[in-house]
Each structure stands twice: as C-alpha cells, then as structure tokens.
Protein backbone atom coordinates (compact mmCIF):
# COMPACT_ATOMS: atom_id res chain seq x y z
CA MET A 1 -62.48 31.66 -28.23
CA ASP A 2 -64.85 32.55 -25.39
CA ARG A 3 -67.73 30.90 -27.26
CA ILE A 4 -65.84 27.65 -27.51
CA TRP A 5 -65.37 27.51 -23.71
CA ILE A 6 -69.05 28.32 -23.12
CA ARG A 7 -70.13 25.52 -25.49
CA LEU A 8 -67.90 23.13 -23.63
CA GLY A 9 -69.71 23.99 -20.40
CA PHE A 10 -66.98 26.15 -18.78
CA ARG A 11 -67.96 29.28 -16.83
CA LEU A 12 -65.91 32.29 -17.77
CA THR A 13 -64.99 34.43 -14.84
CA GLU A 14 -63.22 37.74 -14.84
CA LYS A 15 -59.77 37.30 -13.34
CA PRO A 16 -57.13 39.89 -12.97
CA MET A 17 -54.48 39.39 -15.64
CA SER A 18 -51.25 38.11 -14.18
CA THR A 19 -48.11 40.10 -14.94
CA TYR A 20 -45.03 38.55 -16.49
CA PRO A 21 -42.62 38.71 -14.95
CA PRO A 22 -44.18 39.14 -11.51
CA ALA A 23 -43.93 42.52 -9.85
CA ASP A 24 -42.40 40.89 -6.73
CA GLN A 25 -39.57 38.83 -8.24
CA PRO A 26 -37.64 36.39 -6.15
CA MET A 27 -34.03 37.39 -5.50
CA ALA A 28 -30.92 35.19 -5.09
CA TYR A 29 -27.26 35.98 -4.38
CA SER A 30 -25.19 35.84 -7.48
CA ARG A 31 -21.49 34.90 -6.96
CA LEU A 32 -20.50 36.36 -10.37
CA ALA A 33 -22.27 39.70 -9.78
CA GLY A 34 -21.46 39.91 -6.10
CA ARG A 35 -25.00 40.99 -5.25
CA GLU A 36 -28.57 39.82 -5.24
CA VAL A 37 -30.28 39.50 -8.60
CA SER A 38 -33.74 38.58 -9.75
CA THR A 39 -34.17 34.92 -10.50
CA TRP A 40 -36.09 35.98 -13.60
CA SER A 41 -33.12 37.92 -15.06
CA GLU A 42 -30.71 36.93 -17.73
CA GLU A 43 -27.94 37.47 -15.14
CA TRP A 44 -29.28 34.67 -13.02
CA LYS A 45 -29.84 32.46 -16.09
CA HIS A 46 -26.14 32.89 -16.95
CA GLU A 47 -25.10 32.21 -13.36
CA CYS A 48 -26.96 28.88 -13.46
CA GLU A 49 -25.29 27.91 -16.69
CA ILE A 50 -21.84 28.68 -15.09
CA ALA A 51 -22.74 26.80 -11.96
CA TYR A 52 -23.77 23.71 -13.94
CA LEU A 53 -20.57 23.82 -16.10
CA ALA A 54 -18.35 24.40 -13.00
CA GLY A 55 -19.83 21.29 -11.45
CA MET A 56 -18.78 19.06 -14.31
CA LYS A 57 -15.81 16.73 -14.18
CA PRO A 58 -12.91 18.03 -16.32
CA ASP A 59 -13.26 15.60 -19.17
CA LYS A 60 -17.06 16.21 -19.39
CA LEU A 61 -16.57 19.94 -19.34
CA LYS A 62 -13.97 19.82 -22.10
CA GLY A 63 -16.45 17.76 -24.25
CA MET A 64 -19.28 20.20 -23.47
CA LEU A 65 -17.22 23.24 -24.38
CA TYR A 66 -15.17 22.00 -27.34
CA GLY A 67 -17.06 18.94 -28.61
CA VAL A 68 -16.12 15.29 -28.92
CA GLN A 69 -13.96 13.87 -31.70
CA GLY A 70 -15.37 11.26 -33.98
CA GLY A 71 -18.97 11.69 -33.03
CA GLU A 72 -21.95 12.65 -35.07
CA GLY A 73 -24.91 14.95 -34.34
CA GLU A 74 -25.59 18.06 -32.30
CA SER A 75 -24.72 16.42 -28.94
CA VAL A 76 -20.96 16.05 -29.84
CA ARG A 77 -20.32 19.50 -31.40
CA GLY A 78 -19.92 21.45 -28.19
CA ILE A 79 -20.68 25.01 -27.24
CA LYS A 80 -17.63 26.25 -29.37
CA HIS A 81 -19.45 25.10 -32.52
CA HIS A 82 -22.64 27.06 -31.63
CA ARG A 83 -21.30 30.18 -29.92
CA GLY A 84 -17.68 30.50 -31.18
CA ASP A 85 -14.17 30.76 -29.72
CA ALA A 86 -14.66 34.11 -27.92
CA ALA A 87 -17.74 32.85 -26.06
CA VAL A 88 -15.98 29.68 -24.89
CA ALA A 89 -13.04 31.65 -23.70
CA GLN A 90 -15.43 33.85 -21.69
CA LEU A 91 -17.18 30.81 -20.23
CA VAL A 92 -13.88 29.26 -19.26
CA SER A 93 -12.88 32.51 -17.49
CA GLU A 94 -16.18 32.73 -15.63
CA ILE A 95 -16.12 29.04 -14.62
CA GLU A 96 -12.64 29.67 -13.06
CA ARG A 97 -13.85 32.81 -11.26
CA TYR A 98 -16.98 30.92 -10.06
CA ARG A 99 -14.88 28.01 -8.63
CA ARG A 100 -12.55 30.47 -6.89
CA SER A 101 -15.53 32.21 -5.24
CA ALA A 102 -16.83 28.93 -3.97
CA SER A 103 -13.60 28.13 -2.04
C-alpha cells in the first residue's frame, strides 16, 4: 500500500496512531442514567434514540414503534417487527421516564 502512495507522489510521514475511542472522551449528562456518561458509549447512543422518539408526535411515534397498516417495505414495519414486543415495551417505558424527567 505504501508503494502506491509513493508512486502517486505523496510523502509518507510517520504519525502517531490515533486511538479509537479517544482516551479523553467527551462526557454528557444522561437523564436516563442520572449521571454523566461518555458520548462514545452505548448508553449515550440509547439515550439519543429515546430522546428522538420522545420528541415525536403521538401518531408518528405509534407508527415508528408498531408500524403502519396497509403499507409496504421496511419503512412501514416499525421497531416491533425488527426488535420484538419486549423491546418495544422497554422503549415505551423509557420514553415515558424520559418525558417525566424533562418536566
């Protein structure tokens, strides 16, 4: 691979390899966890999903969770189709808890 870059006229310099995730990860307050969490964590990813769903209008949320009747394709099946009943019940519970913590 290095030879290709040299043939194309690029100079190869030694750079320190970056770490993934970074050693100094940004932190943010999580309403669900009740504490600061890394924005690189699965916990934060889940919080963002719940925040997005909590911000939806009730009819849109119902469609997102349970799907839309009479439609075709992936966009109308809903989360229930992909994750199952238990996962949707957990999401609904966390959405309610998230909304309560906002008020």
